Amino acid sequence: MPLTNKEMIVAVISNGIAVFSLLQERDELPKNTTMYDFVLKVIPEDLKPELTVELIDEVFQYVTSAHSS
C-alpha cells in the first residue's frame, strides 16, 4: 500500500529534523538557520501545501519524547 501524502510529509519532516540536529551538532549550518527554515528547504514542493508549523512542532515533540524515554 502506498504512503499517503500525510505519511510522506511526516517522514520528510522527521528526517529533516534528524539532519538538522546532526548538522547543528557539527556546527555545519549557516548562521541563524532555524529548524523550521531547514525543514522548509527539504520538503518537496508537491507536499508543501500540507505543511504547517503545527505539524512540524507535533513531529518534533514526538521525536524528542521518543528519544528521551
PDB file of N, CA and C in Angstrom:
ATOM      1  N   MET A   1       0.848  -1.165   0.000  1.00  0.00           N
ATOM      2  CA  MET A   1       0.000   0.000   0.000  1.00  0.00           C
ATOM      3  C   MET A   1       0.899   1.235   0.000  1.00  0.00           C
ATOM      4  N   PRO A   2       0.670   2.169  -0.911  1.00  0.00           N
ATOM      5  CA  PRO A   2       1.488   3.380  -0.956  1.00  0.00           C
ATOM      6  C   PRO A   2       1.210   4.303   0.224  1.00  0.00           C
ATOM      7  N   LEU A   3       2.217   5.091   0.569  1.00  0.00           N
ATOM      8  CA  LEU A   3       2.063   6.069   1.654  1.00  0.00           C
ATOM      9  C   LEU A   3       1.130   7.195   1.226  1.00  0.00           C
ATOM     10  N   THR A   4       0.393   7.714   2.189  1.00  0.00           N
ATOM     11  CA  THR A   4      -0.435   8.891   1.924  1.00  0.00           C
ATOM     12  C   THR A   4       0.470  10.121   1.939  1.00  0.00           C
ATOM     13  N   ASN A   5      -0.037  11.241   1.439  1.00  0.00           N
ATOM     14  CA  ASN A   5       0.740  12.481   1.487  1.00  0.00           C
ATOM     15  C   ASN A   5       1.076  12.855   2.921  1.00  0.00           C
ATOM     16  N   LYS A   6       0.145  12.634   3.848  1.00  0.00           N
ATOM     17  CA  LYS A   6       0.378  12.954   5.265  1.00  0.00           C
ATOM     18  C   LYS A   6       1.533  12.100   5.806  1.00  0.00           C
ATOM     19  N   GLU A   7       1.547  10.820   5.484  1.00  0.00           N
ATOM     20  CA  GLU A   7       2.624   9.939   5.943  1.00  0.00           C
ATOM     21  C   GLU A   7       3.960  10.341   5.324  1.00  0.00           C
ATOM     22  N   MET A   8       3.942  10.709   4.065  1.00  0.00           N
ATOM     23  CA  MET A   8       5.185  11.133   3.412  1.00  0.00           C
ATOM     24  C   MET A   8       5.724  12.411   4.038  1.00  0.00           C
ATOM     25  N   ILE A   9       4.856  13.367   4.311  1.00  0.00           N
ATOM     26  CA  ILE A   9       5.328  14.640   4.864  1.00  0.00           C
ATOM     27  C   ILE A   9       5.859  14.442   6.285  1.00  0.00           C
ATOM     28  N   VAL A  10       5.228  13.563   7.071  1.00  0.00           N
ATOM     29  CA  VAL A  10       5.730  13.273   8.422  1.00  0.00           C
ATOM     30  C   VAL A  10       7.117  12.631   8.336  1.00  0.00           C
ATOM     31  N   ALA A  11       7.309  11.730   7.380  1.00  0.00           N
ATOM     32  CA  ALA A  11       8.613  11.086   7.213  1.00  0.00           C
ATOM     33  C   ALA A  11       9.679  12.108   6.816  1.00  0.00           C
ATOM     34  N   VAL A  12       9.347  13.013   5.905  1.00  0.00           N
ATOM     35  CA  VAL A  12      10.317  14.013   5.456  1.00  0.00           C
ATOM     36  C   VAL A  12      10.629  15.007   6.582  1.00  0.00           C
ATOM     37  N   ILE A  13       9.604  15.406   7.350  1.00  0.00           N
ATOM     38  CA  ILE A  13       9.839  16.308   8.488  1.00  0.00           C
ATOM     39  C   ILE A  13      10.757  15.634   9.498  1.00  0.00           C
ATOM     40  N   SER A  14      10.479  14.384   9.820  1.00  0.00           N
ATOM     41  CA  SER A  14      11.295  13.655  10.792  1.00  0.00           C
ATOM     42  C   SER A  14      12.739  13.552  10.318  1.00  0.00           C
ATOM     43  N   ASN A  15      12.924  13.236   9.062  1.00  0.00           N
ATOM     44  CA  ASN A  15      14.270  13.157   8.502  1.00  0.00           C
ATOM     45  C   ASN A  15      14.940  14.530   8.526  1.00  0.00           C
ATOM     46  N   GLY A  16      14.197  15.562   8.177  1.00  0.00           N
ATOM     47  CA  GLY A  16      14.746  16.921   8.201  1.00  0.00           C
ATOM     48  C   GLY A  16      15.207  17.330   9.587  1.00  0.00           C
ATOM     49  N   ILE A  17      14.414  16.986  10.592  1.00  0.00           N
ATOM     50  CA  ILE A  17      14.780  17.299  11.977  1.00  0.00           C
ATOM     51  C   ILE A  17      16.056  16.559  12.370  1.00  0.00           C
ATOM     52  N   ALA A  18      16.160  15.289  11.964  1.00  0.00           N
ATOM     53  CA  ALA A  18      17.352  14.495  12.291  1.00  0.00           C
ATOM     54  C   ALA A  18      18.599  15.083  11.627  1.00  0.00           C
ATOM     55  N   VAL A  19      18.501  15.429  10.353  1.00  0.00           N
ATOM     56  CA  VAL A  19      19.645  16.001   9.640  1.00  0.00           C
ATOM     57  C   VAL A  19      20.007  17.361  10.227  1.00  0.00           C
ATOM     58  N   PHE A  20      18.995  18.179  10.531  1.00  0.00           N
ATOM     59  CA  PHE A  20      19.243  19.481  11.153  1.00  0.00           C
ATOM     60  C   PHE A  20      20.014  19.307  12.451  1.00  0.00           C
ATOM     61  N   SER A  21      19.598  18.364  13.280  1.00  0.00           N
ATOM     62  CA  SER A  21      20.261  18.125  14.569  1.00  0.00           C
ATOM     63  C   SER A  21      21.713  17.712  14.380  1.00  0.00           C
ATOM     64  N   LEU A  22      21.952  16.826  13.422  1.00  0.00           N
ATOM     65  CA  LEU A  22      23.329  16.391  13.161  1.00  0.00           C
ATOM     66  C   LEU A  22      24.199  17.556  12.685  1.00  0.00           C
ATOM     67  N   LEU A  23      23.682  18.332  11.744  1.00  0.00           N
ATOM     68  CA  LEU A  23      24.458  19.467  11.241  1.00  0.00           C
ATOM     69  C   LEU A  23      24.675  20.513  12.323  1.00  0.00           C
ATOM     70  N   GLN A  24      23.693  20.685  13.194  1.00  0.00           N
ATOM     71  CA  GLN A  24      23.825  21.642  14.294  1.00  0.00           C
ATOM     72  C   GLN A  24      24.913  21.185  15.266  1.00  0.00           C
ATOM     73  N   GLU A  25      24.944  19.886  15.576  1.00  0.00           N
ATOM     74  CA  GLU A  25      25.979  19.353  16.469  1.00  0.00           C
ATOM     75  C   GLU A  25      27.369  19.545  15.888  1.00  0.00           C
ATOM     76  N   ARG A  26      27.475  19.413  14.579  1.00  0.00           N
ATOM     77  CA  ARG A  26      28.770  19.549  13.911  1.00  0.00           C
ATOM     78  C   ARG A  26      29.107  21.005  13.588  1.00  0.00           C
ATOM     79  N   ASP A  27      28.218  21.915  13.939  1.00  0.00           N
ATOM     80  CA  ASP A  27      28.388  23.338  13.651  1.00  0.00           C
ATOM     81  C   ASP A  27      28.580  23.578  12.151  1.00  0.00           C
ATOM     82  N   GLU A  28      27.753  22.896  11.340  1.00  0.00           N
ATOM     83  CA  GLU A  28      27.855  22.978   9.887  1.00  0.00           C
ATOM     84  C   GLU A  28      26.658  23.670   9.245  1.00  0.00           C
ATOM     85  N   LEU A  29      25.870  24.370  10.032  1.00  0.00           N
ATOM     86  CA  LEU A  29      24.723  25.100   9.487  1.00  0.00           C
ATOM     87  C   LEU A  29      25.065  26.568   9.320  1.00  0.00           C
ATOM     88  N   PRO A  30      24.493  27.194   8.297  1.00  0.00           N
ATOM     89  CA  PRO A  30      24.677  28.649   8.196  1.00  0.00           C
ATOM     90  C   PRO A  30      24.105  29.323   9.444  1.00  0.00           C
ATOM     91  N   LYS A  31      24.687  30.433   9.816  1.00  0.00           N
ATOM     92  CA  LYS A  31      24.230  31.181  10.992  1.00  0.00           C
ATOM     93  C   LYS A  31      22.757  31.526  10.862  1.00  0.00           C
ATOM     94  N   ASN A  32      22.079  31.522  11.990  1.00  0.00           N
ATOM     95  CA  ASN A  32      20.667  31.906  12.073  1.00  0.00           C
ATOM     96  C   ASN A  32      19.713  30.981  11.322  1.00  0.00           C
ATOM     97  N   THR A  33      20.122  29.754  11.000  1.00  0.00           N
ATOM     98  CA  THR A  33      19.217  28.804  10.366  1.00  0.00           C
ATOM     99  C   THR A  33      18.400  28.127  11.460  1.00  0.00           C
ATOM    100  N   THR A  34      17.089  28.264  11.367  1.00  0.00           N
ATOM    101  CA  THR A  34      16.221  27.606  12.344  1.00  0.00           C
ATOM    102  C   THR A  34      15.803  26.237  11.817  1.00  0.00           C
ATOM    103  N   MET A  35      15.302  25.414  12.720  1.00  0.00           N
ATOM    104  CA  MET A  35      14.803  24.103  12.325  1.00  0.00           C
ATOM    105  C   MET A  35      13.684  24.275  11.296  1.00  0.00           C
ATOM    106  N   TYR A  36      12.831  25.266  11.500  1.00  0.00           N
ATOM    107  CA  TYR A  36      11.721  25.493  10.574  1.00  0.00           C
ATOM    108  C   TYR A  36      12.234  25.857   9.180  1.00  0.00           C
ATOM    109  N   ASP A  37      13.233  26.745   9.116  1.00  0.00           N
ATOM    110  CA  ASP A  37      13.825  27.114   7.825  1.00  0.00           C
ATOM    111  C   ASP A  37      14.388  25.888   7.122  1.00  0.00           C
ATOM    112  N   PHE A  38      15.100  25.065   7.892  1.00  0.00           N
ATOM    113  CA  PHE A  38      15.731  23.889   7.324  1.00  0.00           C
ATOM    114  C   PHE A  38      14.686  22.909   6.800  1.00  0.00           C
ATOM    115  N   VAL A  39      13.653  22.646   7.599  1.00  0.00           N
ATOM    116  CA  VAL A  39      12.607  21.713   7.182  1.00  0.00           C
ATOM    117  C   VAL A  39      11.901  22.236   5.925  1.00  0.00           C
ATOM    118  N   LEU A  40      11.643  23.530   5.875  1.00  0.00           N
ATOM    119  CA  LEU A  40      11.001  24.099   4.682  1.00  0.00           C
ATOM    120  C   LEU A  40      11.823  23.849   3.420  1.00  0.00           C
ATOM    121  N   LYS A  41      13.146  23.842   3.556  1.00  0.00           N
ATOM    122  CA  LYS A  41      14.016  23.636   2.393  1.00  0.00           C
ATOM    123  C   LYS A  41      14.030  22.185   1.925  1.00  0.00           C
ATOM    124  N   VAL A  42      13.764  21.234   2.819  1.00  0.00           N
ATOM    125  CA  VAL A  42      13.850  19.824   2.428  1.00  0.00           C
ATOM    126  C   VAL A  42      12.506  19.212   2.030  1.00  0.00           C
ATOM    127  N   ILE A  43      11.420  19.932   2.237  1.00  0.00           N
ATOM    128  CA  ILE A  43      10.103  19.419   1.865  1.00  0.00           C
ATOM    129  C   ILE A  43       9.909  19.548   0.353  1.00  0.00           C
ATOM    130  N   PRO A  44       9.569  18.446  -0.317  1.00  0.00           N
ATOM    131  CA  PRO A  44       9.286  18.537  -1.758  1.00  0.00           C
ATOM    132  C   PRO A  44       8.111  19.488  -2.024  1.00  0.00           C
ATOM    133  N   GLU A  45       8.177  20.178  -3.135  1.00  0.00           N
ATOM    134  CA  GLU A  45       7.165  21.180  -3.483  1.00  0.00           C
ATOM    135  C   GLU A  45       5.743  20.602  -3.474  1.00  0.00           C
ATOM    136  N   ASP A  46       5.576  19.364  -3.940  1.00  0.00           N
ATOM    137  CA  ASP A  46       4.229  18.802  -4.019  1.00  0.00           C
ATOM    138  C   ASP A  46       3.615  18.518  -2.649  1.00  0.00           C
ATOM    139  N   LEU A  47       4.436  18.485  -1.599  1.00  0.00           N
ATOM    140  CA  LEU A  47       3.918  18.247  -0.250  1.00  0.00           C
ATOM    141  C   LEU A  47       3.763  19.531   0.558  1.00  0.00           C
ATOM    142  N   LYS A  48       4.330  20.618   0.099  1.00  0.00           N
ATOM    143  CA  LYS A  48       4.293  21.872   0.862  1.00  0.00           C
ATOM    144  C   LYS A  48       2.892  22.382   1.191  1.00  0.00           C
ATOM    145  N   PRO A  49       1.892  22.173   0.333  1.00  0.00           N
ATOM    146  CA  PRO A  49       0.557  22.661   0.699  1.00  0.00           C
ATOM    147  C   PRO A  49       0.017  22.051   2.004  1.00  0.00           C
ATOM    148  N   GLU A  50       0.490  20.881   2.372  1.00  0.00           N
ATOM    149  CA  GLU A  50       0.021  20.226   3.590  1.00  0.00           C
ATOM    150  C   GLU A  50       0.901  20.531   4.807  1.00  0.00           C
ATOM    151  N   LEU A  51       1.979  21.263   4.605  1.00  0.00           N
ATOM    152  CA  LEU A  51       2.918  21.564   5.678  1.00  0.00           C
ATOM    153  C   LEU A  51       2.410  22.712   6.545  1.00  0.00           C
ATOM    154  N   THR A  52       2.455  22.496   7.854  1.00  0.00           N
ATOM    155  CA  THR A  52       2.104  23.562   8.800  1.00  0.00           C
ATOM    156  C   THR A  52       3.150  23.590   9.913  1.00  0.00           C
ATOM    157  N   VAL A  53       3.263  24.725  10.552  1.00  0.00           N
ATOM    158  CA  VAL A  53       4.160  24.849  11.702  1.00  0.00           C
ATOM    159  C   VAL A  53       3.703  23.885  12.799  1.00  0.00           C
ATOM    160  N   GLU A  54       2.407  23.747  12.949  1.00  0.00           N
ATOM    161  CA  GLU A  54       1.871  22.850  13.980  1.00  0.00           C
ATOM    162  C   GLU A  54       2.297  21.406  13.730  1.00  0.00           C
ATOM    163  N   LEU A  55       2.316  20.983  12.458  1.00  0.00           N
ATOM    164  CA  LEU A  55       2.735  19.613  12.139  1.00  0.00           C
ATOM    165  C   LEU A  55       4.225  19.431  12.435  1.00  0.00           C
ATOM    166  N   ILE A  56       5.040  20.424  12.088  1.00  0.00           N
ATOM    167  CA  ILE A  56       6.475  20.354  12.409  1.00  0.00           C
ATOM    168  C   ILE A  56       6.645  20.239  13.923  1.00  0.00           C
ATOM    169  N   ASP A  57       5.925  21.064  14.679  1.00  0.00           N
ATOM    170  CA  ASP A  57       6.006  21.017  16.146  1.00  0.00           C
ATOM    171  C   ASP A  57       5.577  19.660  16.686  1.00  0.00           C
ATOM    172  N   GLU A  58       4.496  19.113  16.133  1.00  0.00           N
ATOM    173  CA  GLU A  58       3.993  17.824  16.608  1.00  0.00           C
ATOM    174  C   GLU A  58       5.003  16.709  16.357  1.00  0.00           C
ATOM    175  N   VAL A  59       5.585  16.686  15.159  1.00  0.00           N
ATOM    176  CA  VAL A  59       6.596  15.675  14.843  1.00  0.00           C
ATOM    177  C   VAL A  59       7.814  15.872  15.737  1.00  0.00           C
ATOM    178  N   PHE A  60       8.257  17.115  15.928  1.00  0.00           N
ATOM    179  CA  PHE A  60       9.407  17.400  16.782  1.00  0.00           C
ATOM    180  C   PHE A  60       9.153  16.925  18.209  1.00  0.00           C
ATOM    181  N   GLN A  61       7.975  17.214  18.748  1.00  0.00           N
ATOM    182  CA  GLN A  61       7.643  16.776  20.113  1.00  0.00           C
ATOM    183  C   GLN A  61       7.651  15.257  20.216  1.00  0.00           C
ATOM    184  N   TYR A  62       7.103  14.588  19.220  1.00  0.00           N
ATOM    185  CA  TYR A  62       7.079  13.122  19.256  1.00  0.00           C
ATOM    186  C   TYR A  62       8.483  12.542  19.191  1.00  0.00           C
ATOM    187  N   VAL A  63       9.291  13.049  18.249  1.00  0.00           N
ATOM    188  CA  VAL A  63      10.661  12.542  18.096  1.00  0.00           C
ATOM    189  C   VAL A  63      11.459  12.793  19.379  1.00  0.00           C
ATOM    190  N   THR A  64      11.321  13.972  19.947  1.00  0.00           N
ATOM    191  CA  THR A  64      12.036  14.312  21.179  1.00  0.00           C
ATOM    192  C   THR A  64      11.625  13.399  22.321  1.00  0.00           C
ATOM    193  N   SER A  65      10.347  13.183  22.486  1.00  0.00           N
ATOM    194  CA  SER A  65       9.873  12.338  23.594  1.00  0.00           C
ATOM    195  C   SER A  65      10.234  10.867  23.367  1.00  0.00           C
ATOM    196  N   ALA A  66      10.226  10.428  22.131  1.00  0.00           N
ATOM    197  CA  ALA A  66      10.568   9.036  21.834  1.00  0.00           C
ATOM    198  C   ALA A  66      12.039   8.755  22.132  1.00  0.00           C
ATOM    199  N   HIS A  67      12.902   9.739  21.904  1.00  0.00           N
ATOM    200  CA  HIS A  67      14.330   9.554  22.146  1.00  0.00           C
ATOM    201  C   HIS A  67      14.715   9.764  23.608  1.00  0.00           C
ATOM    202  N   SER A  68      13.867  10.414  24.372  1.00  0.00           N
ATOM    203  CA  SER A  68      14.205  10.674  25.764  1.00  0.00           C
ATOM    204  C   SER A  68      13.714   9.576  26.697  1.00  0.00           C
ATOM    205  N   SER A  69      12.923   8.650  26.171  1.00  0.00           N
ATOM    206  CA  SER A  69      12.406   7.589  27.054  1.00  0.00           C
ATOM    207  C   SER A  69      13.270   6.357  27.047  1.00  0.00           C
TER     208      SER A  69
END
